[in-house]
């Protein structure tokens, strides 16, 4: 498994019971922040962290905005707040590790450009 991007970007919100989550808990459907947020500039190329099958779409109710998920036998990798119309791997397609899959953005309930990444 690799990071879903090249380069080094800061973690802007870690997993779990973070101060940001505590201040905004009414907006979160989970007890704690369910992933890790990376401070990627809008338009940063996203790469498949693992090989698997793609599901993608829009989800406004949970705040993800444009998202994609890579399903594997060991779990699902979710990337959220992707840039509008940037998803490069259509639903049902298969991707390999490191393949370009979209661009980072600030869609959904994002307070600025970043990538929300979680493994379920």
C-alpha atoms as a PDB file:
ATOM      1  CA  UNK A   1       0.000   0.000   0.000  1.00  0.00           C
ATOM      2  CA  UNK A   2       1.256   3.450  -0.890  1.00  0.00           C
ATOM      3  CA  UNK A   3       0.067   6.961  -0.137  1.00  0.00           C
ATOM      4  CA  UNK A   4      -2.566   8.151  -2.593  1.00  0.00           C
ATOM      5  CA  UNK A   5      -0.275  10.919  -3.899  1.00  0.00           C
ATOM      6  CA  UNK A   6       3.362  11.636  -4.639  1.00  0.00           C
ATOM      7  CA  UNK A   7       5.304  14.100  -2.560  1.00  0.00           C
ATOM      8  CA  UNK A   8       5.146  15.152   1.062  1.00  0.00           C
ATOM      9  CA  UNK A   9       2.098  16.973   2.395  1.00  0.00           C
ATOM     10  CA  UNK A  10       1.147  17.633   6.017  1.00  0.00           C
ATOM     11  CA  UNK A  11      -1.559  15.803   7.911  1.00  0.00           C
ATOM     12  CA  UNK A  12      -4.094  18.530   8.699  1.00  0.00           C
ATOM     13  CA  UNK A  13      -6.449  16.321  10.726  1.00  0.00           C
ATOM     14  CA  UNK A  14      -5.475  12.896  12.063  1.00  0.00           C
ATOM     15  CA  UNK A  15      -7.757   9.938  12.694  1.00  0.00           C
ATOM     16  CA  UNK A  16      -9.926   9.789  15.810  1.00  0.00           C
ATOM     17  CA  UNK A  17     -11.129  12.194  18.461  1.00  0.00           C
ATOM     18  CA  UNK A  18      -9.537  15.383  17.154  1.00  0.00           C
ATOM     19  CA  UNK A  19     -10.176  18.931  18.400  1.00  0.00           C
ATOM     20  CA  UNK A  20     -11.767  19.837  15.037  1.00  0.00           C
ATOM     21  CA  UNK A  21     -14.081  16.838  15.331  1.00  0.00           C
ATOM     22  CA  UNK A  22     -15.032  17.814  18.903  1.00  0.00           C
ATOM     23  CA  UNK A  23     -15.900  21.364  17.824  1.00  0.00           C
ATOM     24  CA  UNK A  24     -17.958  20.123  14.850  1.00  0.00           C
ATOM     25  CA  UNK A  25     -19.274  16.745  16.052  1.00  0.00           C
ATOM     26  CA  UNK A  26     -22.834  17.462  14.867  1.00  0.00           C
ATOM     27  CA  UNK A  27     -21.503  17.422  11.270  1.00  0.00           C
ATOM     28  CA  UNK A  28     -19.822  14.022  11.606  1.00  0.00           C
ATOM     29  CA  UNK A  29     -21.741  10.755  11.161  1.00  0.00           C
ATOM     30  CA  UNK A  30     -19.054   8.804  13.044  1.00  0.00           C
ATOM     31  CA  UNK A  31     -17.685   8.991  16.604  1.00  0.00           C
ATOM     32  CA  UNK A  32     -14.440  10.728  15.731  1.00  0.00           C
ATOM     33  CA  UNK A  33     -12.771  11.613  12.465  1.00  0.00           C
ATOM     34  CA  UNK A  34     -12.902   8.410  10.395  1.00  0.00           C
ATOM     35  CA  UNK A  35      -9.861   9.087   8.236  1.00  0.00           C
ATOM     36  CA  UNK A  36      -6.748  11.191   7.807  1.00  0.00           C
ATOM     37  CA  UNK A  37      -6.805  14.581   6.076  1.00  0.00           C
ATOM     38  CA  UNK A  38      -3.778  15.645   4.030  1.00  0.00           C
ATOM     39  CA  UNK A  39      -3.192  19.276   3.089  1.00  0.00           C
ATOM     40  CA  UNK A  40      -3.018  18.739  -0.672  1.00  0.00           C
ATOM     41  CA  UNK A  41      -3.461  21.769  -2.923  1.00  0.00           C
ATOM     42  CA  UNK A  42      -6.494  21.593  -5.220  1.00  0.00           C
ATOM     43  CA  UNK A  43      -5.632  19.774  -8.432  1.00  0.00           C
ATOM     44  CA  UNK A  44      -2.942  17.486  -6.971  1.00  0.00           C
ATOM     45  CA  UNK A  45      -2.858  14.175  -8.862  1.00  0.00           C
ATOM     46  CA  UNK A  46      -4.325  11.306  -6.825  1.00  0.00           C
ATOM     47  CA  UNK A  47      -2.905   7.815  -7.300  1.00  0.00           C
ATOM     48  CA  UNK A  48      -4.431   4.458  -6.413  1.00  0.00           C
ATOM     49  CA  UNK A  49      -2.901   3.397  -3.079  1.00  0.00           C
ATOM     50  CA  UNK A  50      -3.813  -0.243  -3.848  1.00  0.00           C
ATOM     51  CA  UNK A  51      -5.137  -2.327  -6.728  1.00  0.00           C
ATOM     52  CA  UNK A  52      -8.879  -2.953  -6.780  1.00  0.00           C
ATOM     53  CA  UNK A  53     -12.316  -2.051  -8.124  1.00  0.00           C
ATOM     54  CA  UNK A  54     -13.595   1.517  -8.351  1.00  0.00           C
ATOM     55  CA  UNK A  55     -16.851   2.953  -7.067  1.00  0.00           C
ATOM     56  CA  UNK A  56     -17.322   6.714  -7.212  1.00  0.00           C
ATOM     57  CA  UNK A  57     -19.884   9.460  -7.070  1.00  0.00           C
ATOM     58  CA  UNK A  58     -21.239  12.473  -5.197  1.00  0.00           C
ATOM     59  CA  UNK A  59     -22.207  12.341  -1.538  1.00  0.00           C
ATOM     60  CA  UNK A  60     -23.464  15.577  -0.076  1.00  0.00           C
ATOM     61  CA  UNK A  61     -25.167  14.110   3.004  1.00  0.00           C
ATOM     62  CA  UNK A  62     -21.928  13.026   4.678  1.00  0.00           C
ATOM     63  CA  UNK A  63     -19.899  15.936   3.367  1.00  0.00           C
ATOM     64  CA  UNK A  64     -17.565  13.903   1.173  1.00  0.00           C
ATOM     65  CA  UNK A  65     -18.445  15.733  -2.028  1.00  0.00           C
ATOM     66  CA  UNK A  66     -16.922  13.904  -4.987  1.00  0.00           C
ATOM     67  CA  UNK A  67     -15.405  10.664  -3.736  1.00  0.00           C
ATOM     68  CA  UNK A  68     -14.046   7.393  -4.941  1.00  0.00           C
ATOM     69  CA  UNK A  69     -13.537   4.059  -3.300  1.00  0.00           C
ATOM     70  CA  UNK A  70     -11.176   1.245  -4.196  1.00  0.00           C
ATOM     71  CA  UNK A  71     -12.516  -2.106  -3.083  1.00  0.00           C
ATOM     72  CA  UNK A  72     -10.113  -4.924  -2.282  1.00  0.00           C
ATOM     73  CA  UNK A  73     -10.520  -8.327  -0.597  1.00  0.00           C
ATOM     74  CA  UNK A  74      -9.005  -6.786   2.566  1.00  0.00           C
ATOM     75  CA  UNK A  75     -11.060  -3.590   2.748  1.00  0.00           C
ATOM     76  CA  UNK A  76     -12.116  -0.369   1.074  1.00  0.00           C
ATOM     77  CA  UNK A  77      -9.972   2.711   0.530  1.00  0.00           C
ATOM     78  CA  UNK A  78     -11.992   5.944   0.371  1.00  0.00           C
ATOM     79  CA  UNK A  79     -10.708   9.243  -1.051  1.00  0.00           C
ATOM     80  CA  UNK A  80     -13.016  12.223  -0.589  1.00  0.00           C
ATOM     81  CA  UNK A  81     -13.352  15.927  -1.480  1.00  0.00           C
ATOM     82  CA  UNK A  82     -12.048  15.224  -4.982  1.00  0.00           C
ATOM     83  CA  UNK A  83     -12.094  17.961  -7.609  1.00  0.00           C
ATOM     84  CA  UNK A  84     -15.294  18.263  -9.636  1.00  0.00           C
ATOM     85  CA  UNK A  85     -15.115  16.222 -12.875  1.00  0.00           C
ATOM     86  CA  UNK A  86     -11.582  15.017 -12.173  1.00  0.00           C
ATOM     87  CA  UNK A  87     -12.226  11.327 -11.516  1.00  0.00           C
ATOM     88  CA  UNK A  88     -10.184   9.350 -14.047  1.00  0.00           C
ATOM     89  CA  UNK A  89     -11.325   5.815 -13.205  1.00  0.00           C
ATOM     90  CA  UNK A  90     -15.005   5.074 -13.969  1.00  0.00           C
ATOM     91  CA  UNK A  91     -17.300   3.001 -11.752  1.00  0.00           C
ATOM     92  CA  UNK A  92     -16.650  -0.711 -12.098  1.00  0.00           C
ATOM     93  CA  UNK A  93     -13.180  -0.311 -13.553  1.00  0.00           C
ATOM     94  CA  UNK A  94     -10.107  -2.006 -12.145  1.00  0.00           C
ATOM     95  CA  UNK A  95      -7.053   0.008 -11.152  1.00  0.00           C
ATOM     96  CA  UNK A  96      -3.505  -0.960 -10.269  1.00  0.00           C
ATOM     97  CA  UNK A  97      -1.435   0.512  -7.470  1.00  0.00           C
ATOM     98  CA  UNK A  98      -0.005   3.903  -8.469  1.00  0.00           C
ATOM     99  CA  UNK A  99      -2.464   4.501 -11.343  1.00  0.00           C
ATOM    100  CA  UNK A 100      -3.819   8.091 -11.665  1.00  0.00           C
ATOM    101  CA  UNK A 101      -7.421   8.121 -10.415  1.00  0.00           C
ATOM    102  CA  UNK A 102      -8.401  11.774  -9.937  1.00  0.00           C
ATOM    103  CA  UNK A 103      -7.411  15.140  -8.507  1.00  0.00           C
ATOM    104  CA  UNK A 104      -7.705  16.599  -5.031  1.00  0.00           C
ATOM    105  CA  UNK A 105     -10.179  19.372  -4.397  1.00  0.00           C
ATOM    106  CA  UNK A 106     -12.500  20.957  -1.873  1.00  0.00           C
ATOM    107  CA  UNK A 107     -15.948  19.567  -2.712  1.00  0.00           C
ATOM    108  CA  UNK A 108     -18.505  18.662  -0.050  1.00  0.00           C
ATOM    109  CA  UNK A 109     -18.140  20.046   3.454  1.00  0.00           C
ATOM    110  CA  UNK A 110     -14.446  20.823   3.077  1.00  0.00           C
ATOM    111  CA  UNK A 111     -13.184  24.012   4.713  1.00  0.00           C
ATOM    112  CA  UNK A 112     -10.389  24.203   2.141  1.00  0.00           C
ATOM    113  CA  UNK A 113      -8.576  22.018  -0.389  1.00  0.00           C
ATOM    114  CA  UNK A 114      -7.430  18.713   1.082  1.00  0.00           C
ATOM    115  CA  UNK A 115      -7.712  14.959   0.702  1.00  0.00           C
ATOM    116  CA  UNK A 116      -9.718  12.878   3.160  1.00  0.00           C
ATOM    117  CA  UNK A 117      -8.386   9.303   3.092  1.00  0.00           C
ATOM    118  CA  UNK A 118      -9.687   6.354   5.061  1.00  0.00           C
ATOM    119  CA  UNK A 119      -9.406   2.584   5.029  1.00  0.00           C
ATOM    120  CA  UNK A 120     -12.466   0.597   6.090  1.00  0.00           C
END
